[in-house]
Amino acid sequence: YSDKVIAVFDAESPINQADKDSIQFLTELEGDKYLGGILNNVDLK
């Protein structure tokens, strides 16, 4: 139902295999549907 998909990632969480699988799924979406990601909880320091 969406024109674009934006993923939100938590900067405080390590990337595990399930995350890698999800990222692969998103990057393989048809056309340019996957717009990119947002990194949340970033420590500005």
All heavy atoms as atom14 arrays in JSON, in Angstrom:
{
  "sequence": "YSDKVIAVFDAESPINQADKDSIQFLTELEGDKYLGGILNNVDLK",
  "atom14_mask": [
    [1, 1, 1, 1, 1, 1, 1, 1, 1, 1, 1, 1, 0, 0],
    [1, 1, 1, 1, 1, 1, 0, 0, 0, 0, 0, 0, 0, 0],
    [1, 1, 1, 1, 1, 1, 1, 1, 0, 0, 0, 0, 0, 0],
    [1, 1, 1, 1, 1, 1, 1, 1, 1, 0, 0, 0, 0, 0],
    [1, 1, 1, 1, 1, 1, 1, 0, 0, 0, 0, 0, 0, 0],
    [1, 1, 1, 1, 1, 1, 1, 1, 0, 0, 0, 0, 0, 0],
    [1, 1, 1, 1, 1, 0, 0, 0, 0, 0, 0, 0, 0, 0],
    [1, 1, 1, 1, 1, 1, 1, 0, 0, 0, 0, 0, 0, 0],
    [1, 1, 1, 1, 1, 1, 1, 1, 1, 1, 1, 0, 0, 0],
    [1, 1, 1, 1, 1, 1, 1, 1, 0, 0, 0, 0, 0, 0],
    [1, 1, 1, 1, 1, 0, 0, 0, 0, 0, 0, 0, 0, 0],
    [1, 1, 1, 1, 1, 1, 1, 1, 1, 0, 0, 0, 0, 0],
    [1, 1, 1, 1, 1, 1, 0, 0, 0, 0, 0, 0, 0, 0],
    [1, 1, 1, 1, 1, 1, 1, 0, 0, 0, 0, 0, 0, 0],
    [1, 1, 1, 1, 1, 1, 1, 1, 0, 0, 0, 0, 0, 0],
    [1, 1, 1, 1, 1, 1, 1, 1, 0, 0, 0, 0, 0, 0],
    [1, 1, 1, 1, 1, 1, 1, 1, 1, 0, 0, 0, 0, 0],
    [1, 1, 1, 1, 1, 0, 0, 0, 0, 0, 0, 0, 0, 0],
    [1, 1, 1, 1, 1, 1, 1, 1, 0, 0, 0, 0, 0, 0],
    [1, 1, 1, 1, 1, 1, 1, 1, 1, 0, 0, 0, 0, 0],
    [1, 1, 1, 1, 1, 1, 1, 1, 0, 0, 0, 0, 0, 0],
    [1, 1, 1, 1, 1, 1, 0, 0, 0, 0, 0, 0, 0, 0],
    [1, 1, 1, 1, 1, 1, 1, 1, 0, 0, 0, 0, 0, 0],
    [1, 1, 1, 1, 1, 1, 1, 1, 1, 0, 0, 0, 0, 0],
    [1, 1, 1, 1, 1, 1, 1, 1, 1, 1, 1, 0, 0, 0],
    [1, 1, 1, 1, 1, 1, 1, 1, 0, 0, 0, 0, 0, 0],
    [1, 1, 1, 1, 1, 1, 1, 0, 0, 0, 0, 0, 0, 0],
    [1, 1, 1, 1, 1, 1, 1, 1, 1, 0, 0, 0, 0, 0],
    [1, 1, 1, 1, 1, 1, 1, 1, 0, 0, 0, 0, 0, 0],
    [1, 1, 1, 1, 1, 1, 1, 1, 1, 0, 0, 0, 0, 0],
    [1, 1, 1, 1, 0, 0, 0, 0, 0, 0, 0, 0, 0, 0],
    [1, 1, 1, 1, 1, 1, 1, 1, 0, 0, 0, 0, 0, 0],
    [1, 1, 1, 1, 1, 1, 1, 1, 1, 0, 0, 0, 0, 0],
    [1, 1, 1, 1, 1, 1, 1, 1, 1, 1, 1, 1, 0, 0],
    [1, 1, 1, 1, 1, 1, 1, 1, 0, 0, 0, 0, 0, 0],
    [1, 1, 1, 1, 0, 0, 0, 0, 0, 0, 0, 0, 0, 0],
    [1, 1, 1, 1, 0, 0, 0, 0, 0, 0, 0, 0, 0, 0],
    [1, 1, 1, 1, 1, 1, 1, 1, 0, 0, 0, 0, 0, 0],
    [1, 1, 1, 1, 1, 1, 1, 1, 0, 0, 0, 0, 0, 0],
    [1, 1, 1, 1, 1, 1, 1, 1, 0, 0, 0, 0, 0, 0],
    [1, 1, 1, 1, 1, 1, 1, 1, 0, 0, 0, 0, 0, 0],
    [1, 1, 1, 1, 1, 1, 1, 0, 0, 0, 0, 0, 0, 0],
    [1, 1, 1, 1, 1, 1, 1, 1, 0, 0, 0, 0, 0, 0],
    [1, 1, 1, 1, 1, 1, 1, 1, 0, 0, 0, 0, 0, 0],
    [1, 1, 1, 1, 1, 1, 1, 1, 1, 0, 0, 0, 0, 0]
  ],
  "atom14_positions": [
    [[0.81, -1.22, 0.0], [0.0, 0.0, 0.0], [0.85, 1.27, 0.0], [0.31, 2.37, 0.07], [-0.93, 0.01, 1.22], [-1.81, -1.2, 1.3], [-1.55, -2.23, 2.2], [-2.9, -1.35, 0.44], [-2.36, -3.35, 2.26], [-3.71, -2.48, 0.5], [-3.43, -3.47, 1.4], [-4.23, -4.59, 1.46], [0.0, 0.0, 0.0], [0.0, 0.0, 0.0]],
    [[2.15, 1.12, -0.07], [3.06, 2.26, 0.08], [3.77, 2.57, -1.23], [4.08, 1.67, -2.01], [4.11, 1.95, 1.15], [3.49, 1.61, 2.36], [0.0, 0.0, 0.0], [0.0, 0.0, 0.0], [0.0, 0.0, 0.0], [0.0, 0.0, 0.0], [0.0, 0.0, 0.0], [0.0, 0.0, 0.0], [0.0, 0.0, 0.0], [0.0, 0.0, 0.0]],
    [[4.06, 3.85, -1.41], [4.89, 4.26, -2.55], [6.36, 4.05, -2.24], [7.14, 3.67, -3.11], [4.66, 5.73, -2.88], [3.26, 6.01, -3.39], [2.67, 5.12, -4.03], [2.74, 7.11, -3.13], [0.0, 0.0, 0.0], [0.0, 0.0, 0.0], [0.0, 0.0, 0.0], [0.0, 0.0, 0.0], [0.0, 0.0, 0.0], [0.0, 0.0, 0.0]],
    [[6.75, 4.32, -1.0], [8.15, 4.23, -0.57], [8.21, 3.58, 0.8], [7.26, 3.63, 1.58], [8.8, 5.61, -0.47], [8.81, 6.4, -1.76], [9.8, 5.83, -2.72], [9.82, 6.66, -4.01], [10.69, 6.09, -5.01], [0.0, 0.0, 0.0], [0.0, 0.0, 0.0], [0.0, 0.0, 0.0], [0.0, 0.0, 0.0], [0.0, 0.0, 0.0]],
    [[9.37, 2.99, 1.11], [9.62, 2.38, 2.41], [10.89, 2.98, 2.98], [11.9, 3.07, 2.29], [9.78, 0.84, 2.29], [10.16, 0.23, 3.63], [8.52, 0.22, 1.73], [0.0, 0.0, 0.0], [0.0, 0.0, 0.0], [0.0, 0.0, 0.0], [0.0, 0.0, 0.0], [0.0, 0.0, 0.0], [0.0, 0.0, 0.0], [0.0, 0.0, 0.0]],
    [[10.8, 3.41, 4.25], [11.96, 3.93, 4.97], [12.13, 3.07, 6.21], [11.21, 2.93, 7.0], [11.76, 5.41, 5.39], [11.52, 6.28, 4.16], [12.96, 5.9, 6.2], [11.12, 7.71, 4.49], [0.0, 0.0, 0.0], [0.0, 0.0, 0.0], [0.0, 0.0, 0.0], [0.0, 0.0, 0.0], [0.0, 0.0, 0.0], [0.0, 0.0, 0.0]],
    [[13.32, 2.51, 6.38], [13.6, 1.68, 7.55], [14.19, 2.56, 8.66], [14.87, 3.54, 8.39], [14.59, 0.58, 7.19], [0.0, 0.0, 0.0], [0.0, 0.0, 0.0], [0.0, 0.0, 0.0], [0.0, 0.0, 0.0], [0.0, 0.0, 0.0], [0.0, 0.0, 0.0], [0.0, 0.0, 0.0], [0.0, 0.0, 0.0], [0.0, 0.0, 0.0]],
    [[13.9, 2.2, 9.91], [14.48, 2.89, 11.05], [15.32, 1.89, 11.82], [14.84, 0.82, 12.2], [13.38, 3.49, 11.97], [14.01, 4.18, 13.17], [12.51, 4.46, 11.19], [0.0, 0.0, 0.0], [0.0, 0.0, 0.0], [0.0, 0.0, 0.0], [0.0, 0.0, 0.0], [0.0, 0.0, 0.0], [0.0, 0.0, 0.0], [0.0, 0.0, 0.0]],
    [[16.6, 2.23, 12.03], [17.53, 1.37, 12.73], [17.95, 2.03, 14.03], [18.12, 3.24, 14.1], [18.78, 1.11, 11.87], [18.47, 0.46, 10.56], [18.32, 1.23, 9.4], [18.34, -0.91, 10.46], [18.05, 0.63, 8.19], [18.06, -1.52, 9.24], [17.91, -0.75, 8.11], [0.0, 0.0, 0.0], [0.0, 0.0, 0.0], [0.0, 0.0, 0.0]],
    [[18.14, 1.23, 15.06], [18.57, 1.71, 16.37], [20.09, 1.66, 16.43], [20.68, 0.57, 16.33], [17.96, 0.85, 17.47], [18.24, 1.36, 18.87], [19.12, 2.23, 19.04], [17.58, 0.88, 19.8], [0.0, 0.0, 0.0], [0.0, 0.0, 0.0], [0.0, 0.0, 0.0], [0.0, 0.0, 0.0], [0.0, 0.0, 0.0], [0.0, 0.0, 0.0]],
    [[20.74, 2.81, 16.61], [22.2, 2.88, 16.67], [22.77, 2.11, 17.85], [23.95, 1.75, 17.84], [22.65, 4.34, 16.72], [0.0, 0.0, 0.0], [0.0, 0.0, 0.0], [0.0, 0.0, 0.0], [0.0, 0.0, 0.0], [0.0, 0.0, 0.0], [0.0, 0.0, 0.0], [0.0, 0.0, 0.0], [0.0, 0.0, 0.0], [0.0, 0.0, 0.0]],
    [[21.95, 1.85, 18.86], [22.44, 1.16, 20.05], [22.3, -0.36, 19.95], [22.69, -1.08, 20.87], [21.69, 1.68, 21.29], [21.95, 3.15, 21.55], [21.15, 3.7, 22.7], [20.29, 2.99, 23.26], [21.38, 4.88, 23.04], [0.0, 0.0, 0.0], [0.0, 0.0, 0.0], [0.0, 0.0, 0.0], [0.0, 0.0, 0.0], [0.0, 0.0, 0.0]],
    [[21.74, -0.86, 18.85], [21.55, -2.3, 18.68], [22.53, -2.85, 17.65], [22.68, -2.27, 16.58], [20.12, -2.59, 18.21], [19.2, -2.2, 19.18], [0.0, 0.0, 0.0], [0.0, 0.0, 0.0], [0.0, 0.0, 0.0], [0.0, 0.0, 0.0], [0.0, 0.0, 0.0], [0.0, 0.0, 0.0], [0.0, 0.0, 0.0], [0.0, 0.0, 0.0]],
    [[23.15, -3.97, 17.96], [24.04, -4.58, 16.97], [23.22, -5.14, 15.81], [22.05, -5.48, 15.97], [24.72, -5.71, 17.74], [23.8, -6.01, 18.88], [23.08, -4.73, 19.2], [0.0, 0.0, 0.0], [0.0, 0.0, 0.0], [0.0, 0.0, 0.0], [0.0, 0.0, 0.0], [0.0, 0.0, 0.0], [0.0, 0.0, 0.0], [0.0, 0.0, 0.0]],
    [[23.84, -5.25, 14.65], [23.18, -5.82, 13.48], [23.36, -7.33, 13.54], [24.49, -7.82, 13.54], [23.74, -5.23, 12.18], [23.44, -3.74, 12.11], [23.17, -5.96, 10.97], [24.03, -3.04, 10.92], [0.0, 0.0, 0.0], [0.0, 0.0, 0.0], [0.0, 0.0, 0.0], [0.0, 0.0, 0.0], [0.0, 0.0, 0.0], [0.0, 0.0, 0.0]],
    [[22.24, -8.05, 13.59], [22.31, -9.51, 13.63], [21.88, -10.09, 12.29], [21.57, -9.34, 11.35], [21.47, -10.06, 14.8], [20.02, -9.66, 14.7], [19.45, -9.57, 13.61], [19.38, -9.41, 15.83], [0.0, 0.0, 0.0], [0.0, 0.0, 0.0], [0.0, 0.0, 0.0], [0.0, 0.0, 0.0], [0.0, 0.0, 0.0], [0.0, 0.0, 0.0]],
    [[21.81, -11.4, 12.19], [21.46, -12.03, 10.92], [20.04, -11.67, 10.47], [19.8, -11.44, 9.28], [21.61, -13.55, 11.0], [21.42, -14.24, 9.66], [22.4, -13.75, 8.6], [23.59, -13.64, 8.86], [21.9, -13.44, 7.41], [0.0, 0.0, 0.0], [0.0, 0.0, 0.0], [0.0, 0.0, 0.0], [0.0, 0.0, 0.0], [0.0, 0.0, 0.0]],
    [[19.09, -11.59, 11.4], [17.72, -11.2, 11.03], [17.71, -9.8, 10.44], [16.98, -9.53, 9.48], [16.79, -11.29, 12.24], [0.0, 0.0, 0.0], [0.0, 0.0, 0.0], [0.0, 0.0, 0.0], [0.0, 0.0, 0.0], [0.0, 0.0, 0.0], [0.0, 0.0, 0.0], [0.0, 0.0, 0.0], [0.0, 0.0, 0.0], [0.0, 0.0, 0.0]],
    [[18.52, -8.89, 11.0], [18.62, -7.53, 10.45], [19.19, -7.57, 9.04], [18.7, -6.87, 8.15], [19.51, -6.66, 11.34], [18.95, -6.45, 12.73], [17.72, -6.3, 12.86], [19.74, -6.42, 13.68], [0.0, 0.0, 0.0], [0.0, 0.0, 0.0], [0.0, 0.0, 0.0], [0.0, 0.0, 0.0], [0.0, 0.0, 0.0], [0.0, 0.0, 0.0]],
    [[20.22, -8.35, 8.84], [20.83, -8.47, 7.51], [19.82, -9.01, 6.5], [19.75, -8.53, 5.36], [22.07, -9.36, 7.57], [23.22, -8.73, 8.32], [24.4, -9.69, 8.42], [25.5, -9.08, 9.28], [26.63, -10.01, 9.44], [0.0, 0.0, 0.0], [0.0, 0.0, 0.0], [0.0, 0.0, 0.0], [0.0, 0.0, 0.0], [0.0, 0.0, 0.0]],
    [[19.03, -10.0, 6.93], [18.01, -10.56, 6.04], [16.95, -9.51, 5.7], [16.5, -9.4, 4.55], [17.33, -11.77, 6.68], [18.28, -12.95, 6.85], [19.34, -12.98, 6.19], [17.95, -13.85, 7.66], [0.0, 0.0, 0.0], [0.0, 0.0, 0.0], [0.0, 0.0, 0.0], [0.0, 0.0, 0.0], [0.0, 0.0, 0.0], [0.0, 0.0, 0.0]],
    [[16.55, -8.71, 6.69], [15.56, -7.65, 6.46], [16.11, -6.58, 5.53], [15.41, -6.1, 4.63], [15.14, -7.02, 7.79], [14.43, -7.95, 8.56], [0.0, 0.0, 0.0], [0.0, 0.0, 0.0], [0.0, 0.0, 0.0], [0.0, 0.0, 0.0], [0.0, 0.0, 0.0], [0.0, 0.0, 0.0], [0.0, 0.0, 0.0], [0.0, 0.0, 0.0]],
    [[17.37, -6.21, 5.74], [17.99, -5.2, 4.86], [18.06, -5.72, 3.43], [17.76, -4.99, 2.48], [19.39, -4.82, 5.39], [19.25, -4.05, 6.71], [20.15, -3.99, 4.36], [20.55, -3.89, 7.48], [0.0, 0.0, 0.0], [0.0, 0.0, 0.0], [0.0, 0.0, 0.0], [0.0, 0.0, 0.0], [0.0, 0.0, 0.0], [0.0, 0.0, 0.0]],
    [[18.41, -6.99, 3.27], [18.44, -7.57, 1.93], [17.05, -7.55, 1.3], [16.88, -7.2, 0.14], [18.98, -9.0, 1.96], [19.03, -9.64, 0.59], [19.64, -11.03, 0.61], [20.16, -11.49, 1.61], [19.54, -11.71, -0.53], [0.0, 0.0, 0.0], [0.0, 0.0, 0.0], [0.0, 0.0, 0.0], [0.0, 0.0, 0.0], [0.0, 0.0, 0.0]],
    [[16.03, -7.93, 2.09], [14.65, -7.89, 1.6], [14.29, -6.48, 1.11], [13.73, -6.31, 0.03], [13.68, -8.34, 2.7], [12.24, -8.07, 2.39], [11.53, -8.9, 1.54], [11.59, -6.98, 2.96], [10.19, -8.64, 1.25], [10.26, -6.72, 2.67], [9.57, -7.56, 1.81], [0.0, 0.0, 0.0], [0.0, 0.0, 0.0], [0.0, 0.0, 0.0]],
    [[14.62, -5.47, 1.9], [14.29, -4.09, 1.55], [15.01, -3.63, 0.29], [14.42, -2.99, -0.58], [14.6, -3.16, 2.71], [13.72, -3.32, 3.95], [14.29, -2.53, 5.12], [12.3, -2.91, 3.66], [0.0, 0.0, 0.0], [0.0, 0.0, 0.0], [0.0, 0.0, 0.0], [0.0, 0.0, 0.0], [0.0, 0.0, 0.0], [0.0, 0.0, 0.0]],
    [[16.3, -3.96, 0.18], [17.06, -3.51, -0.99], [16.63, -4.23, -2.27], [16.89, -3.73, -3.36], [18.57, -3.69, -0.76], [18.85, -5.07, -0.48], [19.06, -2.82, 0.38], [0.0, 0.0, 0.0], [0.0, 0.0, 0.0], [0.0, 0.0, 0.0], [0.0, 0.0, 0.0], [0.0, 0.0, 0.0], [0.0, 0.0, 0.0], [0.0, 0.0, 0.0]],
    [[15.96, -5.37, -2.12], [15.49, -6.1, -3.29], [14.04, -5.78, -3.66], [13.48, -6.39, -4.57], [15.64, -7.62, -3.04], [17.09, -8.06, -2.98], [17.27, -9.52, -2.61], [16.25, -10.19, -2.29], [18.42, -9.99, -2.65], [0.0, 0.0, 0.0], [0.0, 0.0, 0.0], [0.0, 0.0, 0.0], [0.0, 0.0, 0.0], [0.0, 0.0, 0.0]],
    [[13.44, -4.79, -2.97], [12.08, -4.4, -3.32], [12.04, -3.9, -4.75], [12.99, -3.29, -5.24], [11.56, -3.31, -2.37], [11.21, -3.75, -0.96], [10.85, -2.54, -0.1], [10.06, -4.75, -0.97], [0.0, 0.0, 0.0], [0.0, 0.0, 0.0], [0.0, 0.0, 0.0], [0.0, 0.0, 0.0], [0.0, 0.0, 0.0], [0.0, 0.0, 0.0]],
    [[10.91, -4.12, -5.39], [10.72, -3.75, -6.78], [10.95, -2.26, -7.01], [10.5, -1.41, -6.23], [9.3, -4.13, -7.18], [9.04, -4.06, -8.65], [7.66, -4.59, -8.97], [7.39, -5.76, -8.63], [6.86, -3.82, -9.53], [0.0, 0.0, 0.0], [0.0, 0.0, 0.0], [0.0, 0.0, 0.0], [0.0, 0.0, 0.0], [0.0, 0.0, 0.0]],
    [[11.65, -1.94, -8.09], [11.87, -0.54, -8.47], [12.66, 0.2, -7.43], [13.6, -0.32, -6.84], [0.0, 0.0, 0.0], [0.0, 0.0, 0.0], [0.0, 0.0, 0.0], [0.0, 0.0, 0.0], [0.0, 0.0, 0.0], [0.0, 0.0, 0.0], [0.0, 0.0, 0.0], [0.0, 0.0, 0.0], [0.0, 0.0, 0.0], [0.0, 0.0, 0.0]],
    [[12.26, 1.43, -7.2], [12.96, 2.27, -6.22], [12.09, 2.46, -4.97], [12.08, 3.53, -4.37], [13.36, 3.6, -6.83], [12.15, 4.39, -7.34], [11.04, 3.82, -7.4], [12.32, 5.57, -7.68], [0.0, 0.0, 0.0], [0.0, 0.0, 0.0], [0.0, 0.0, 0.0], [0.0, 0.0, 0.0], [0.0, 0.0, 0.0], [0.0, 0.0, 0.0]],
    [[11.37, 1.43, -4.58], [10.44, 1.51, -3.46], [11.16, 1.75, -2.13], [10.66, 2.45, -1.26], [9.58, 0.26, -3.37], [8.41, 0.42, -2.43], [7.41, -0.7, -2.63], [6.06, -0.04, -2.71], [4.96, -0.88, -3.01], [0.0, 0.0, 0.0], [0.0, 0.0, 0.0], [0.0, 0.0, 0.0], [0.0, 0.0, 0.0], [0.0, 0.0, 0.0]],
    [[12.35, 1.15, -1.95], [13.11, 1.34, -0.71], [13.86, 2.67, -0.81], [14.75, 2.84, -1.62], [14.08, 0.19, -0.49], [14.9, 0.34, 0.77], [14.3, 0.48, 2.0], [16.28, 0.33, 0.71], [15.04, 0.62, 3.16], [17.04, 0.46, 1.86], [16.42, 0.61, 3.08], [17.17, 0.75, 4.22], [0.0, 0.0, 0.0], [0.0, 0.0, 0.0]],
    [[13.45, 3.62, 0.03], [14.01, 4.96, -0.03], [15.3, 5.08, 0.77], [16.16, 5.89, 0.45], [12.97, 5.97, 0.49], [13.23, 7.43, 0.25], [13.38, 7.73, -1.23], [12.1, 8.26, 0.83], [0.0, 0.0, 0.0], [0.0, 0.0, 0.0], [0.0, 0.0, 0.0], [0.0, 0.0, 0.0], [0.0, 0.0, 0.0], [0.0, 0.0, 0.0]],
    [[15.46, 4.29, 1.81], [16.66, 4.35, 2.63], [16.32, 4.14, 4.09], [15.27, 3.62, 4.42], [0.0, 0.0, 0.0], [0.0, 0.0, 0.0], [0.0, 0.0, 0.0], [0.0, 0.0, 0.0], [0.0, 0.0, 0.0], [0.0, 0.0, 0.0], [0.0, 0.0, 0.0], [0.0, 0.0, 0.0], [0.0, 0.0, 0.0], [0.0, 0.0, 0.0]],
    [[17.25, 4.56, 4.94], [17.05, 4.31, 6.36], [17.31, 5.53, 7.22], [17.93, 6.5, 6.79], [0.0, 0.0, 0.0], [0.0, 0.0, 0.0], [0.0, 0.0, 0.0], [0.0, 0.0, 0.0], [0.0, 0.0, 0.0], [0.0, 0.0, 0.0], [0.0, 0.0, 0.0], [0.0, 0.0, 0.0], [0.0, 0.0, 0.0], [0.0, 0.0, 0.0]],
    [[16.85, 5.45, 8.45], [17.08, 6.46, 9.47], [17.78, 5.76, 10.62], [17.37, 4.69, 11.05], [15.74, 7.06, 9.96], [15.06, 7.81, 8.82], [15.97, 7.97, 11.17], [13.65, 8.26, 9.15], [0.0, 0.0, 0.0], [0.0, 0.0, 0.0], [0.0, 0.0, 0.0], [0.0, 0.0, 0.0], [0.0, 0.0, 0.0], [0.0, 0.0, 0.0]],
    [[18.85, 6.36, 11.13], [19.56, 5.83, 12.27], [19.1, 6.59, 13.5], [19.34, 7.79, 13.64], [21.07, 5.95, 12.07], [21.96, 5.23, 13.08], [21.64, 3.74, 13.11], [23.43, 5.43, 12.72], [0.0, 0.0, 0.0], [0.0, 0.0, 0.0], [0.0, 0.0, 0.0], [0.0, 0.0, 0.0], [0.0, 0.0, 0.0], [0.0, 0.0, 0.0]],
    [[18.41, 5.89, 14.39], [17.81, 6.47, 15.59], [18.72, 6.24, 16.79], [19.55, 5.34, 16.79], [16.45, 5.79, 15.8], [15.55, 6.55, 16.72], [15.83, 7.67, 17.12], [14.45, 5.92, 17.08], [0.0, 0.0, 0.0], [0.0, 0.0, 0.0], [0.0, 0.0, 0.0], [0.0, 0.0, 0.0], [0.0, 0.0, 0.0], [0.0, 0.0, 0.0]],
    [[18.56, 7.06, 17.83], [19.33, 6.93, 19.07], [20.82, 7.12, 18.87], [21.63, 6.45, 19.52], [19.06, 5.6, 19.77], [17.66, 5.51, 20.3], [17.13, 6.5, 20.8], [17.03, 4.36, 20.18], [0.0, 0.0, 0.0], [0.0, 0.0, 0.0], [0.0, 0.0, 0.0], [0.0, 0.0, 0.0], [0.0, 0.0, 0.0], [0.0, 0.0, 0.0]],
    [[21.2, 8.02, 17.98], [22.61, 8.31, 17.74], [23.11, 9.23, 18.85], [22.49, 10.25, 19.15], [22.81, 8.97, 16.36], [24.24, 9.41, 16.17], [22.36, 8.03, 15.26], [0.0, 0.0, 0.0], [0.0, 0.0, 0.0], [0.0, 0.0, 0.0], [0.0, 0.0, 0.0], [0.0, 0.0, 0.0], [0.0, 0.0, 0.0], [0.0, 0.0, 0.0]],
    [[24.25, 8.88, 19.44], [24.89, 9.74, 20.44], [25.67, 10.82, 19.68], [26.63, 10.51, 18.96], [25.82, 8.92, 21.32], [26.39, 9.71, 22.48], [26.3, 10.97, 22.47], [26.93, 9.08, 23.41], [0.0, 0.0, 0.0], [0.0, 0.0, 0.0], [0.0, 0.0, 0.0], [0.0, 0.0, 0.0], [0.0, 0.0, 0.0], [0.0, 0.0, 0.0]],
    [[25.24, 12.06, 19.82], [25.84, 13.16, 19.05], [27.34, 13.31, 19.32], [28.07, 13.83, 18.48], [25.1, 14.47, 19.35], [23.63, 14.47, 18.93], [22.98, 15.82, 19.28], [23.47, 14.18, 17.45], [0.0, 0.0, 0.0], [0.0, 0.0, 0.0], [0.0, 0.0, 0.0], [0.0, 0.0, 0.0], [0.0, 0.0, 0.0], [0.0, 0.0, 0.0]],
    [[27.84, 12.83, 20.47], [29.28, 12.89, 20.77], [30.08, 12.06, 19.76], [31.24, 12.35, 19.51], [29.56, 12.36, 22.17], [28.94, 13.17, 23.3], [29.37, 12.63, 24.64], [28.75, 11.27, 24.83], [28.79, 10.76, 26.2], [0.0, 0.0, 0.0], [0.0, 0.0, 0.0], [0.0, 0.0, 0.0], [0.0, 0.0, 0.0], [0.0, 0.0, 0.0]]
  ]
}
